[in-house]
C-alpha atoms as a PDB file:
ATOM      1  CA  UNK A   1      17.519 -33.403  -2.221  1.00  0.00           C
ATOM      2  CA  UNK A   2      18.456 -30.001  -0.806  1.00  0.00           C
ATOM      3  CA  UNK A   3      15.783 -28.754   1.594  1.00  0.00           C
ATOM      4  CA  UNK A   4      16.459 -25.048   0.936  1.00  0.00           C
ATOM      5  CA  UNK A   5      16.077 -25.622  -2.786  1.00  0.00           C
ATOM      6  CA  UNK A   6      12.812 -27.461  -2.152  1.00  0.00           C
ATOM      7  CA  UNK A   7      11.599 -24.495  -0.099  1.00  0.00           C
ATOM      8  CA  UNK A   8      12.362 -22.197  -3.037  1.00  0.00           C
ATOM      9  CA  UNK A   9      10.312 -24.456  -5.306  1.00  0.00           C
ATOM     10  CA  UNK A  10       7.440 -24.467  -2.791  1.00  0.00           C
ATOM     11  CA  UNK A  11       7.345 -20.658  -2.507  1.00  0.00           C
ATOM     12  CA  UNK A  12       7.692 -20.192  -6.263  1.00  0.00           C
ATOM     13  CA  UNK A  13       4.730 -22.531  -6.836  1.00  0.00           C
ATOM     14  CA  UNK A  14       2.637 -20.436  -4.431  1.00  0.00           C
ATOM     15  CA  UNK A  15       3.664 -17.148  -6.032  1.00  0.00           C
ATOM     16  CA  UNK A  16       3.124 -18.393  -9.579  1.00  0.00           C
ATOM     17  CA  UNK A  17      -0.168 -20.157  -8.792  1.00  0.00           C
ATOM     18  CA  UNK A  18       0.533 -23.570 -10.321  1.00  0.00           C
ATOM     19  CA  UNK A  19       3.194 -26.254 -10.601  1.00  0.00           C
ATOM     20  CA  UNK A  20       3.476 -25.741 -14.352  1.00  0.00           C
ATOM     21  CA  UNK A  21       4.047 -22.000 -13.926  1.00  0.00           C
ATOM     22  CA  UNK A  22       6.633 -22.674 -11.217  1.00  0.00           C
ATOM     23  CA  UNK A  23       8.442 -25.083 -13.538  1.00  0.00           C
ATOM     24  CA  UNK A  24       8.582 -22.422 -16.259  1.00  0.00           C
ATOM     25  CA  UNK A  25       9.773 -19.773 -13.805  1.00  0.00           C
ATOM     26  CA  UNK A  26      12.553 -22.008 -12.463  1.00  0.00           C
ATOM     27  CA  UNK A  27      13.498 -23.529 -15.813  1.00  0.00           C
ATOM     28  CA  UNK A  28      12.748 -27.061 -14.609  1.00  0.00           C
ATOM     29  CA  UNK A  29      10.443 -29.849 -15.668  1.00  0.00           C
ATOM     30  CA  UNK A  30       7.020 -30.214 -14.004  1.00  0.00           C
ATOM     31  CA  UNK A  31       8.161 -33.600 -12.725  1.00  0.00           C
ATOM     32  CA  UNK A  32      11.157 -32.006 -10.976  1.00  0.00           C
ATOM     33  CA  UNK A  33       8.892 -29.457  -9.283  1.00  0.00           C
ATOM     34  CA  UNK A  34       6.529 -32.210  -8.140  1.00  0.00           C
ATOM     35  CA  UNK A  35       9.453 -34.238  -6.740  1.00  0.00           C
ATOM     36  CA  UNK A  36      10.693 -31.217  -4.757  1.00  0.00           C
ATOM     37  CA  UNK A  37       7.265 -30.662  -3.179  1.00  0.00           C
ATOM     38  CA  UNK A  38       6.855 -34.356  -2.425  1.00  0.00           C
ATOM     39  CA  UNK A  39      10.290 -34.388  -0.784  1.00  0.00           C
ATOM     40  CA  UNK A  40       9.348 -31.432   1.389  1.00  0.00           C
ATOM     41  CA  UNK A  41       6.032 -32.963   2.459  1.00  0.00           C
ATOM     42  CA  UNK A  42       7.669 -36.299   3.222  1.00  0.00           C
ATOM     43  CA  UNK A  43      10.399 -34.572   5.223  1.00  0.00           C
ATOM     44  CA  UNK A  44       8.006 -32.718   7.546  1.00  0.00           C
ATOM     45  CA  UNK A  45       5.302 -35.407   7.478  1.00  0.00           C
ATOM     46  CA  UNK A  46       2.288 -33.259   6.533  1.00  0.00           C
ATOM     47  CA  UNK A  47       0.546 -32.235   3.338  1.00  0.00           C
ATOM     48  CA  UNK A  48       1.390 -28.650   2.407  1.00  0.00           C
ATOM     49  CA  UNK A  49      -0.659 -28.189  -0.747  1.00  0.00           C
ATOM     50  CA  UNK A  50      -3.993 -29.358  -2.056  1.00  0.00           C
ATOM     51  CA  UNK A  51      -3.328 -29.750  -5.776  1.00  0.00           C
ATOM     52  CA  UNK A  52      -5.796 -29.596  -8.662  1.00  0.00           C
ATOM     53  CA  UNK A  53      -5.365 -29.223 -12.395  1.00  0.00           C
ATOM     54  CA  UNK A  54      -6.129 -25.496 -12.197  1.00  0.00           C
ATOM     55  CA  UNK A  55      -4.898 -24.195  -8.865  1.00  0.00           C
ATOM     56  CA  UNK A  56      -2.979 -24.780  -5.649  1.00  0.00           C
ATOM     57  CA  UNK A  57      -4.465 -24.347  -2.198  1.00  0.00           C
ATOM     58  CA  UNK A  58      -2.467 -24.302   1.019  1.00  0.00           C
ATOM     59  CA  UNK A  59      -3.377 -26.646   3.824  1.00  0.00           C
ATOM     60  CA  UNK A  60      -3.570 -25.193   7.331  1.00  0.00           C
ATOM     61  CA  UNK A  61      -0.081 -26.527   8.047  1.00  0.00           C
ATOM     62  CA  UNK A  62       1.053 -25.248   4.660  1.00  0.00           C
ATOM     63  CA  UNK A  63       0.069 -21.660   5.553  1.00  0.00           C
ATOM     64  CA  UNK A  64       2.279 -21.699   8.639  1.00  0.00           C
ATOM     65  CA  UNK A  65       5.113 -23.430   6.814  1.00  0.00           C
ATOM     66  CA  UNK A  66       4.977 -20.980   3.887  1.00  0.00           C
ATOM     67  CA  UNK A  67       5.423 -18.008   6.253  1.00  0.00           C
ATOM     68  CA  UNK A  68       8.411 -19.709   7.887  1.00  0.00           C
ATOM     69  CA  UNK A  69       9.924 -20.559   4.487  1.00  0.00           C
ATOM     70  CA  UNK A  70       9.669 -16.961   3.298  1.00  0.00           C
ATOM     71  CA  UNK A  71      11.484 -15.738   6.399  1.00  0.00           C
ATOM     72  CA  UNK A  72      14.206 -18.378   6.019  1.00  0.00           C
ATOM     73  CA  UNK A  73      14.794 -17.609   2.337  1.00  0.00           C
ATOM     74  CA  UNK A  74      14.936 -13.874   3.033  1.00  0.00           C
ATOM     75  CA  UNK A  75      17.426 -14.443   5.852  1.00  0.00           C
ATOM     76  CA  UNK A  76      19.610 -16.545   3.571  1.00  0.00           C
ATOM     77  CA  UNK A  77      19.573 -13.911   0.829  1.00  0.00           C
ATOM     78  CA  UNK A  78      20.364 -11.167   3.356  1.00  0.00           C
ATOM     79  CA  UNK A  79      23.263 -13.194   4.755  1.00  0.00           C
ATOM     80  CA  UNK A  80      24.687 -13.588   1.239  1.00  0.00           C
ATOM     81  CA  UNK A  81      24.360  -9.885   0.558  1.00  0.00           C
ATOM     82  CA  UNK A  82      25.893  -8.846   3.875  1.00  0.00           C
ATOM     83  CA  UNK A  83      28.864 -11.098   3.213  1.00  0.00           C
ATOM     84  CA  UNK A  84      29.611  -9.154   0.040  1.00  0.00           C
ATOM     85  CA  UNK A  85      31.674  -6.011  -0.060  1.00  0.00           C
ATOM     86  CA  UNK A  86      29.719  -2.852   0.730  1.00  0.00           C
ATOM     87  CA  UNK A  87      31.172  -1.295  -2.393  1.00  0.00           C
ATOM     88  CA  UNK A  88      29.284  -3.695  -4.646  1.00  0.00           C
ATOM     89  CA  UNK A  89      26.072  -2.574  -6.312  1.00  0.00           C
ATOM     90  CA  UNK A  90      22.794  -3.528  -4.621  1.00  0.00           C
ATOM     91  CA  UNK A  91      21.059  -6.451  -6.274  1.00  0.00           C
ATOM     92  CA  UNK A  92      18.191  -8.889  -5.860  1.00  0.00           C
ATOM     93  CA  UNK A  93      14.431  -8.535  -5.537  1.00  0.00           C
ATOM     94  CA  UNK A  94      13.080  -5.498  -3.676  1.00  0.00           C
ATOM     95  CA  UNK A  95       9.500  -6.011  -2.491  1.00  0.00           C
ATOM     96  CA  UNK A  96       7.488  -2.895  -1.659  1.00  0.00           C
ATOM     97  CA  UNK A  97       3.857  -2.418  -0.670  1.00  0.00           C
ATOM     98  CA  UNK A  98       1.716   0.723  -0.583  1.00  0.00           C
ATOM     99  CA  UNK A  99      -1.932   1.822  -0.704  1.00  0.00           C
ATOM    100  CA  UNK A 100      -3.339   1.699  -4.227  1.00  0.00           C
ATOM    101  CA  UNK A 101      -3.595   5.425  -5.005  1.00  0.00           C
ATOM    102  CA  UNK A 102      -0.432   6.687  -3.288  1.00  0.00           C
ATOM    103  CA  UNK A 103       1.487   3.648  -4.468  1.00  0.00           C
ATOM    104  CA  UNK A 104       0.530   4.060  -8.117  1.00  0.00           C
ATOM    105  CA  UNK A 105       0.621   7.842  -8.270  1.00  0.00           C
ATOM    106  CA  UNK A 106       3.465   8.796  -5.935  1.00  0.00           C
ATOM    107  CA  UNK A 107       5.679   5.839  -5.046  1.00  0.00           C
ATOM    108  CA  UNK A 108       5.726   4.010  -8.387  1.00  0.00           C
ATOM    109  CA  UNK A 109       7.439   6.806 -10.399  1.00  0.00           C
ATOM    110  CA  UNK A 110      10.114   7.141  -7.707  1.00  0.00           C
ATOM    111  CA  UNK A 111      10.620   3.369  -7.703  1.00  0.00           C
ATOM    112  CA  UNK A 112      11.033   3.424 -11.485  1.00  0.00           C
ATOM    113  CA  UNK A 113      13.748   6.079 -11.192  1.00  0.00           C
ATOM    114  CA  UNK A 114      15.525   4.053  -8.496  1.00  0.00           C
ATOM    115  CA  UNK A 115      15.527   0.960 -10.726  1.00  0.00           C
ATOM    116  CA  UNK A 116      17.005   3.003 -13.572  1.00  0.00           C
ATOM    117  CA  UNK A 117      19.908   3.884 -11.265  1.00  0.00           C
ATOM    118  CA  UNK A 118      20.342   0.307 -10.013  1.00  0.00           C
ATOM    119  CA  UNK A 119      19.800  -2.121 -12.919  1.00  0.00           C
ATOM    120  CA  UNK A 120      20.874  -5.118 -10.812  1.00  0.00           C
ATOM    121  CA  UNK A 121      17.807  -4.646  -8.569  1.00  0.00           C
ATOM    122  CA  UNK A 122      14.370  -5.957  -9.521  1.00  0.00           C
ATOM    123  CA  UNK A 123      11.206  -4.827  -7.764  1.00  0.00           C
ATOM    124  CA  UNK A 124       7.785  -6.175  -6.881  1.00  0.00           C
ATOM    125  CA  UNK A 125       5.220  -3.480  -6.037  1.00  0.00           C
ATOM    126  CA  UNK A 126       2.141  -4.678  -4.147  1.00  0.00           C
ATOM    127  CA  UNK A 127      -0.688  -2.117  -4.233  1.00  0.00           C
ATOM    128  CA  UNK A 128      -3.086  -2.991  -1.421  1.00  0.00           C
ATOM    129  CA  UNK A 129      -5.576  -0.966   0.613  1.00  0.00           C
ATOM    130  CA  UNK A 130      -5.083  -3.280   3.580  1.00  0.00           C
ATOM    131  CA  UNK A 131      -2.362  -3.914   6.111  1.00  0.00           C
ATOM    132  CA  UNK A 132      -0.199  -6.974   5.451  1.00  0.00           C
ATOM    133  CA  UNK A 133       2.419  -8.661   7.612  1.00  0.00           C
ATOM    134  CA  UNK A 134       5.751  -7.505   6.243  1.00  0.00           C
ATOM    135  CA  UNK A 135       7.679 -10.417   7.735  1.00  0.00           C
ATOM    136  CA  UNK A 136       5.221 -13.153   6.744  1.00  0.00           C
ATOM    137  CA  UNK A 137       4.840 -11.811   3.198  1.00  0.00           C
ATOM    138  CA  UNK A 138       8.552 -11.198   2.679  1.00  0.00           C
ATOM    139  CA  UNK A 139       8.114  -7.444   2.156  1.00  0.00           C
ATOM    140  CA  UNK A 140      11.122  -5.136   2.427  1.00  0.00           C
ATOM    141  CA  UNK A 141       9.456  -1.715   2.656  1.00  0.00           C
ATOM    142  CA  UNK A 142       5.883  -0.496   3.197  1.00  0.00           C
ATOM    143  CA  UNK A 143       4.354   2.934   2.704  1.00  0.00           C
ATOM    144  CA  UNK A 144       1.768   3.399   5.469  1.00  0.00           C
ATOM    145  CA  UNK A 145      -0.757   6.230   5.825  1.00  0.00           C
ATOM    146  CA  UNK A 146      -1.917   5.761   9.410  1.00  0.00           C
ATOM    147  CA  UNK A 147      -1.166   6.400  13.045  1.00  0.00           C
ATOM    148  CA  UNK A 148       1.283   3.579  13.745  1.00  0.00           C
ATOM    149  CA  UNK A 149       1.133   1.314  16.754  1.00  0.00           C
ATOM    150  CA  UNK A 150       4.311   0.416  18.592  1.00  0.00           C
ATOM    151  CA  UNK A 151       6.198  -2.433  16.925  1.00  0.00           C
ATOM    152  CA  UNK A 152       9.683  -3.722  16.262  1.00  0.00           C
ATOM    153  CA  UNK A 153       9.623  -2.137  12.798  1.00  0.00           C
ATOM    154  CA  UNK A 154      11.707   0.836  11.721  1.00  0.00           C
ATOM    155  CA  UNK A 155       9.414   3.779  10.843  1.00  0.00           C
ATOM    156  CA  UNK A 156      10.605   6.857   8.931  1.00  0.00           C
ATOM    157  CA  UNK A 157       8.132   9.724   8.650  1.00  0.00           C
ATOM    158  CA  UNK A 158       7.866  11.085   5.099  1.00  0.00           C
ATOM    159  CA  UNK A 159       4.857  13.377   5.338  1.00  0.00           C
ATOM    160  CA  UNK A 160       1.259  13.779   6.333  1.00  0.00           C
ATOM    161  CA  UNK A 161      -2.130  13.884   4.618  1.00  0.00           C
ATOM    162  CA  UNK A 162      -5.419  15.632   5.381  1.00  0.00           C
ATOM    163  CA  UNK A 163      -8.989  14.415   4.929  1.00  0.00           C
ATOM    164  CA  UNK A 164     -10.738  17.113   2.935  1.00  0.00           C
ATOM    165  CA  UNK A 165     -14.210  17.836   1.611  1.00  0.00           C
ATOM    166  CA  UNK A 166     -14.366  18.913  -2.003  1.00  0.00           C
ATOM    167  CA  UNK A 167     -16.707  19.520  -4.918  1.00  0.00           C
ATOM    168  CA  UNK A 168     -16.435  20.883  -8.441  1.00  0.00           C
ATOM    169  CA  UNK A 169     -16.998  24.580  -9.233  1.00  0.00           C
ATOM    170  CA  UNK A 170     -19.955  23.567 -11.420  1.00  0.00           C
ATOM    171  CA  UNK A 171     -21.663  21.776  -8.534  1.00  0.00           C
ATOM    172  CA  UNK A 172     -20.996  24.594  -6.087  1.00  0.00           C
ATOM    173  CA  UNK A 173     -22.248  27.248  -8.507  1.00  0.00           C
ATOM    174  CA  UNK A 174     -25.532  25.402  -9.015  1.00  0.00           C
ATOM    175  CA  UNK A 175     -26.379  24.374  -5.453  1.00  0.00           C
ATOM    176  CA  UNK A 176     -26.910  26.108  -2.090  1.00  0.00           C
ATOM    177  CA  UNK A 177     -23.731  27.361  -0.389  1.00  0.00           C
ATOM    178  CA  UNK A 178     -21.891  25.172   2.126  1.00  0.00           C
ATOM    179  CA  UNK A 179     -20.860  27.385   5.042  1.00  0.00           C
ATOM    180  CA  UNK A 180     -21.164  24.929   7.949  1.00  0.00           C
ATOM    181  CA  UNK A 181     -20.927  21.165   8.216  1.00  0.00           C
ATOM    182  CA  UNK A 182     -24.684  20.930   8.909  1.00  0.00           C
ATOM    183  CA  UNK A 183     -25.272  22.253   5.375  1.00  0.00           C
ATOM    184  CA  UNK A 184     -23.889  18.968   3.986  1.00  0.00           C
ATOM    185  CA  UNK A 185     -27.059  17.096   4.965  1.00  0.00           C
ATOM    186  CA  UNK A 186     -28.932  18.937   2.215  1.00  0.00           C
ATOM    187  CA  UNK A 187     -26.431  18.159  -0.533  1.00  0.00           C
ATOM    188  CA  UNK A 188     -25.647  15.310  -2.895  1.00  0.00           C
ATOM    189  CA  UNK A 189     -22.873  13.345  -1.165  1.00  0.00           C
ATOM    190  CA  UNK A 190     -20.540  10.840  -2.810  1.00  0.00           C
ATOM    191  CA  UNK A 191     -19.254   8.435  -0.173  1.00  0.00           C
ATOM    192  CA  UNK A 192     -16.040   6.442  -0.112  1.00  0.00           C
ATOM    193  CA  UNK A 193     -16.709   3.428   2.125  1.00  0.00           C
ATOM    194  CA  UNK A 194     -13.198   3.771   3.570  1.00  0.00           C
ATOM    195  CA  UNK A 195     -14.082   7.240   4.930  1.00  0.00           C
ATOM    196  CA  UNK A 196     -17.739   6.770   5.905  1.00  0.00           C
ATOM    197  CA  UNK A 197     -20.755   5.563   3.924  1.00  0.00           C
ATOM    198  CA  UNK A 198     -23.654   7.403   5.573  1.00  0.00           C
ATOM    199  CA  UNK A 199     -21.944  10.085   7.628  1.00  0.00           C
ATOM    200  CA  UNK A 200     -18.779  12.083   8.129  1.00  0.00           C
ATOM    201  CA  UNK A 201     -17.179  12.871  11.478  1.00  0.00           C
ATOM    202  CA  UNK A 202     -15.573  16.207  12.333  1.00  0.00           C
ATOM    203  CA  UNK A 203     -13.637  17.202  15.450  1.00  0.00           C
ATOM    204  CA  UNK A 204     -15.330  19.021  18.276  1.00  0.00           C
ATOM    205  CA  UNK A 205     -14.638  22.718  18.632  1.00  0.00           C
ATOM    206  CA  UNK A 206     -14.246  22.310  22.388  1.00  0.00           C
ATOM    207  CA  UNK A 207     -11.955  19.865  24.179  1.00  0.00           C
ATOM    208  CA  UNK A 208     -14.677  18.220  26.278  1.00  0.00           C
ATOM    209  CA  UNK A 209     -17.240  17.462  23.572  1.00  0.00           C
ATOM    210  CA  UNK A 210     -17.743  14.468  21.292  1.00  0.00           C
ATOM    211  CA  UNK A 211     -16.949  14.684  17.569  1.00  0.00           C
ATOM    212  CA  UNK A 212     -19.552  16.297  15.360  1.00  0.00           C
ATOM    213  CA  UNK A 213     -21.180  13.907  12.884  1.00  0.00           C
ATOM    214  CA  UNK A 214     -23.157  14.797   9.769  1.00  0.00           C
ATOM    215  CA  UNK A 215     -25.528  12.089   8.519  1.00  0.00           C
ATOM    216  CA  UNK A 216     -26.683  11.847   4.913  1.00  0.00           C
ATOM    217  CA  UNK A 217     -28.176   9.510   2.344  1.00  0.00           C
ATOM    218  CA  UNK A 218     -25.403   9.192  -0.243  1.00  0.00           C
ATOM    219  CA  UNK A 219     -26.023   9.607  -3.917  1.00  0.00           C
ATOM    220  CA  UNK A 220     -23.242   7.071  -4.557  1.00  0.00           C
ATOM    221  CA  UNK A 221     -21.113   4.759  -2.422  1.00  0.00           C
ATOM    222  CA  UNK A 222     -17.881   3.325  -3.815  1.00  0.00           C
ATOM    223  CA  UNK A 223     -15.173   1.264  -2.159  1.00  0.00           C
ATOM    224  CA  UNK A 224     -12.309   3.484  -3.229  1.00  0.00           C
ATOM    225  CA  UNK A 225     -11.265   6.839  -4.603  1.00  0.00           C
ATOM    226  CA  UNK A 226     -11.366   5.599  -8.196  1.00  0.00           C
ATOM    227  CA  UNK A 227     -15.127   5.258  -7.850  1.00  0.00           C
ATOM    228  CA  UNK A 228     -15.845   8.567  -6.124  1.00  0.00           C
ATOM    229  CA  UNK A 229     -13.426  11.197  -7.422  1.00  0.00           C
ATOM    230  CA  UNK A 230     -14.485  11.156 -11.102  1.00  0.00           C
ATOM    231  CA  UNK A 231     -18.103  11.760 -10.087  1.00  0.00           C
ATOM    232  CA  UNK A 232     -17.075  14.701  -7.924  1.00  0.00           C
ATOM    233  CA  UNK A 233     -14.954  16.177 -10.733  1.00  0.00           C
ATOM    234  CA  UNK A 234     -17.931  15.813 -13.096  1.00  0.00           C
ATOM    235  CA  UNK A 235     -20.097  17.907 -10.771  1.00  0.00           C
ATOM    236  CA  UNK A 236     -22.269  15.193  -9.265  1.00  0.00           C
ATOM    237  CA  UNK A 237     -21.802  16.094  -5.603  1.00  0.00           C
ATOM    238  CA  UNK A 238     -19.582  16.578  -2.561  1.00  0.00           C
ATOM    239  CA  UNK A 239     -17.031  13.955  -1.558  1.00  0.00           C
ATOM    240  CA  UNK A 240     -14.324  13.405   1.032  1.00  0.00           C
ATOM    241  CA  UNK A 241     -10.787  12.406   0.077  1.00  0.00           C
ATOM    242  CA  UNK A 242      -7.184  12.653   1.170  1.00  0.00           C
ATOM    243  CA  UNK A 243      -5.205  15.730   0.211  1.00  0.00           C
ATOM    244  CA  UNK A 244      -2.704  13.810  -1.919  1.00  0.00           C
ATOM    245  CA  UNK A 245      -5.563  12.264  -3.918  1.00  0.00           C
ATOM    246  CA  UNK A 246      -7.162  15.562  -4.945  1.00  0.00           C
ATOM    247  CA  UNK A 247      -4.182  17.938  -5.178  1.00  0.00           C
ATOM    248  CA  UNK A 248      -3.800  17.702  -8.960  1.00  0.00           C
ATOM    249  CA  UNK A 249      -7.534  18.309  -9.496  1.00  0.00           C
ATOM    250  CA  UNK A 250      -7.426  21.266  -7.118  1.00  0.00           C
ATOM    251  CA  UNK A 251      -4.434  22.728  -8.957  1.00  0.00           C
ATOM    252  CA  UNK A 252      -6.267  22.451 -12.296  1.00  0.00           C
ATOM    253  CA  UNK A 253      -9.353  24.120 -10.853  1.00  0.00           C
ATOM    254  CA  UNK A 254     -11.502  20.993 -11.200  1.00  0.00           C
ATOM    255  CA  UNK A 255     -12.229  20.794  -7.461  1.00  0.00           C
ATOM    256  CA  UNK A 256     -12.571  23.272  -4.622  1.00  0.00           C
ATOM    257  CA  UNK A 257     -11.847  22.454  -0.989  1.00  0.00           C
ATOM    258  CA  UNK A 258     -14.708  23.014   1.446  1.00  0.00           C
ATOM    259  CA  UNK A 259     -14.640  23.836   5.160  1.00  0.00           C
ATOM    260  CA  UNK A 260     -10.886  23.208   5.667  1.00  0.00           C
ATOM    261  CA  UNK A 261     -11.013  24.591   9.214  1.00  0.00           C
ATOM    262  CA  UNK A 262     -13.452  21.847  10.236  1.00  0.00           C
ATOM    263  CA  UNK A 263     -11.319  18.919   9.132  1.00  0.00           C
ATOM    264  CA  UNK A 264      -9.616  16.410  11.395  1.00  0.00           C
ATOM    265  CA  UNK A 265      -5.889  16.607  12.278  1.00  0.00           C
ATOM    266  CA  UNK A 266      -3.458  15.345   9.630  1.00  0.00           C
ATOM    267  CA  UNK A 267      -2.587  11.656   9.358  1.00  0.00           C
ATOM    268  CA  UNK A 268       1.139  10.802   9.291  1.00  0.00           C
ATOM    269  CA  UNK A 269       2.788   8.950   6.422  1.00  0.00           C
ATOM    270  CA  UNK A 270       5.695   6.591   7.144  1.00  0.00           C
ATOM    271  CA  UNK A 271       8.000   4.195   5.412  1.00  0.00           C
ATOM    272  CA  UNK A 272       8.047   1.018   7.504  1.00  0.00           C
ATOM    273  CA  UNK A 273      10.916  -1.488   7.303  1.00  0.00           C
ATOM    274  CA  UNK A 274      11.263  -4.778   9.205  1.00  0.00           C
ATOM    275  CA  UNK A 275      14.017  -4.805  11.803  1.00  0.00           C
ATOM    276  CA  UNK A 276      17.315  -5.871  10.251  1.00  0.00           C
ATOM    277  CA  UNK A 277      16.205  -5.449   6.627  1.00  0.00           C
ATOM    278  CA  UNK A 278      17.712  -1.976   6.378  1.00  0.00           C
ATOM    279  CA  UNK A 279      21.201  -3.480   6.498  1.00  0.00           C
ATOM    280  CA  UNK A 280      20.822  -5.043   3.040  1.00  0.00           C
ATOM    281  CA  UNK A 281      22.219  -2.860   0.232  1.00  0.00           C
ATOM    282  CA  UNK A 282      19.093  -2.869  -1.947  1.00  0.00           C
ATOM    283  CA  UNK A 283      16.828  -1.794   0.940  1.00  0.00           C
ATOM    284  CA  UNK A 284      19.259   0.760   2.356  1.00  0.00           C
ATOM    285  CA  UNK A 285      19.890   2.427  -0.998  1.00  0.00           C
ATOM    286  CA  UNK A 286      16.187   2.440  -1.844  1.00  0.00           C
ATOM    287  CA  UNK A 287      15.239   4.055   1.458  1.00  0.00           C
ATOM    288  CA  UNK A 288      18.013   6.643   1.104  1.00  0.00           C
ATOM    289  CA  UNK A 289      16.729   7.449  -2.383  1.00  0.00           C
ATOM    290  CA  UNK A 290      12.990   7.465  -1.750  1.00  0.00           C
ATOM    291  CA  UNK A 291      12.694   9.303   1.590  1.00  0.00           C
ATOM    292  CA  UNK A 292      13.604  12.843   0.417  1.00  0.00           C
ATOM    293  CA  UNK A 293      11.524  12.445  -2.737  1.00  0.00           C
ATOM    294  CA  UNK A 294       8.452  11.249  -0.858  1.00  0.00           C
ATOM    295  CA  UNK A 295       8.809  14.126   1.600  1.00  0.00           C
ATOM    296  CA  UNK A 296       8.999  16.616  -1.254  1.00  0.00           C
ATOM    297  CA  UNK A 297       6.000  15.145  -3.074  1.00  0.00           C
ATOM    298  CA  UNK A 298       3.680  14.937  -0.069  1.00  0.00           C
ATOM    299  CA  UNK A 299       4.739  18.461   0.919  1.00  0.00           C
ATOM    300  CA  UNK A 300       4.031  19.746  -2.599  1.00  0.00           C
ATOM    301  CA  UNK A 301       0.556  18.237  -2.678  1.00  0.00           C
ATOM    302  CA  UNK A 302      -0.302  19.524   0.782  1.00  0.00           C
ATOM    303  CA  UNK A 303       0.855  23.011  -0.249  1.00  0.00           C
ATOM    304  CA  UNK A 304      -1.474  22.970  -3.257  1.00  0.00           C
ATOM    305  CA  UNK A 305      -4.434  22.111  -1.050  1.00  0.00           C
ATOM    306  CA  UNK A 306      -3.441  24.689   1.571  1.00  0.00           C
ATOM    307  CA  UNK A 307      -3.503  27.484  -1.012  1.00  0.00           C
ATOM    308  CA  UNK A 308      -7.097  26.775  -2.064  1.00  0.00           C
END
């Protein structure tokens, strides 16, 4: 049996979640999928999967082997693509990851337009509010909102975002004014656990002093913007969010930005691509297409927030 083919079966079983689903995906019988996995385990001499009737679970050795298999299969696909003429249309599976809100609201529409232009490319969009290993997970491109550490990845800056305080006009009209950050302690605060549950930090106004911190007892804590922003729009309190998350609400007059001069410096936004992946046609054409559009969209949203 071909070992590369068996690796493909192994990875498909992991991605699909069961041997039966892998068989359907590959157009093979369940027995053929089982034989491929048994061949692979016999070849390397360790058990890769703990099988049950409902699910698959990787063994410790299986976790390491799965990461290696993904890299090998990606390398093989890239070698095939590079061997083709550069004039041929990009094709294959493009895997992209992004934070949930920016991925769904900003990147996804651009990705849809790219796929319309390149029908021979398929895409997998992973929306995750956590950092994943691009190489181990077989990811081609990541949208990252963070200060990046040095790595062997290619990073292309596409914008920046600001952390802003905001509240609805209704809330602000019916509560004491907020002129300084200390005023926040007396207000209803809606906390996103990703940005601080019981306090918010603000930069010092002098170079030699520690950041200023406002402590509060939150009215509501949620683990993401989807749980906090609707409450703020409905007039329930003050919240903190990224500029790209609130721009549309600010433009419609549903939210007002508070104390913009007290906010922290902007956070850069990058597209991150594993070294060598940019040479494949589907990744190169996607990056060429998405970079100017992301820059325009982040710039537009920042401009909306800057005007208010």
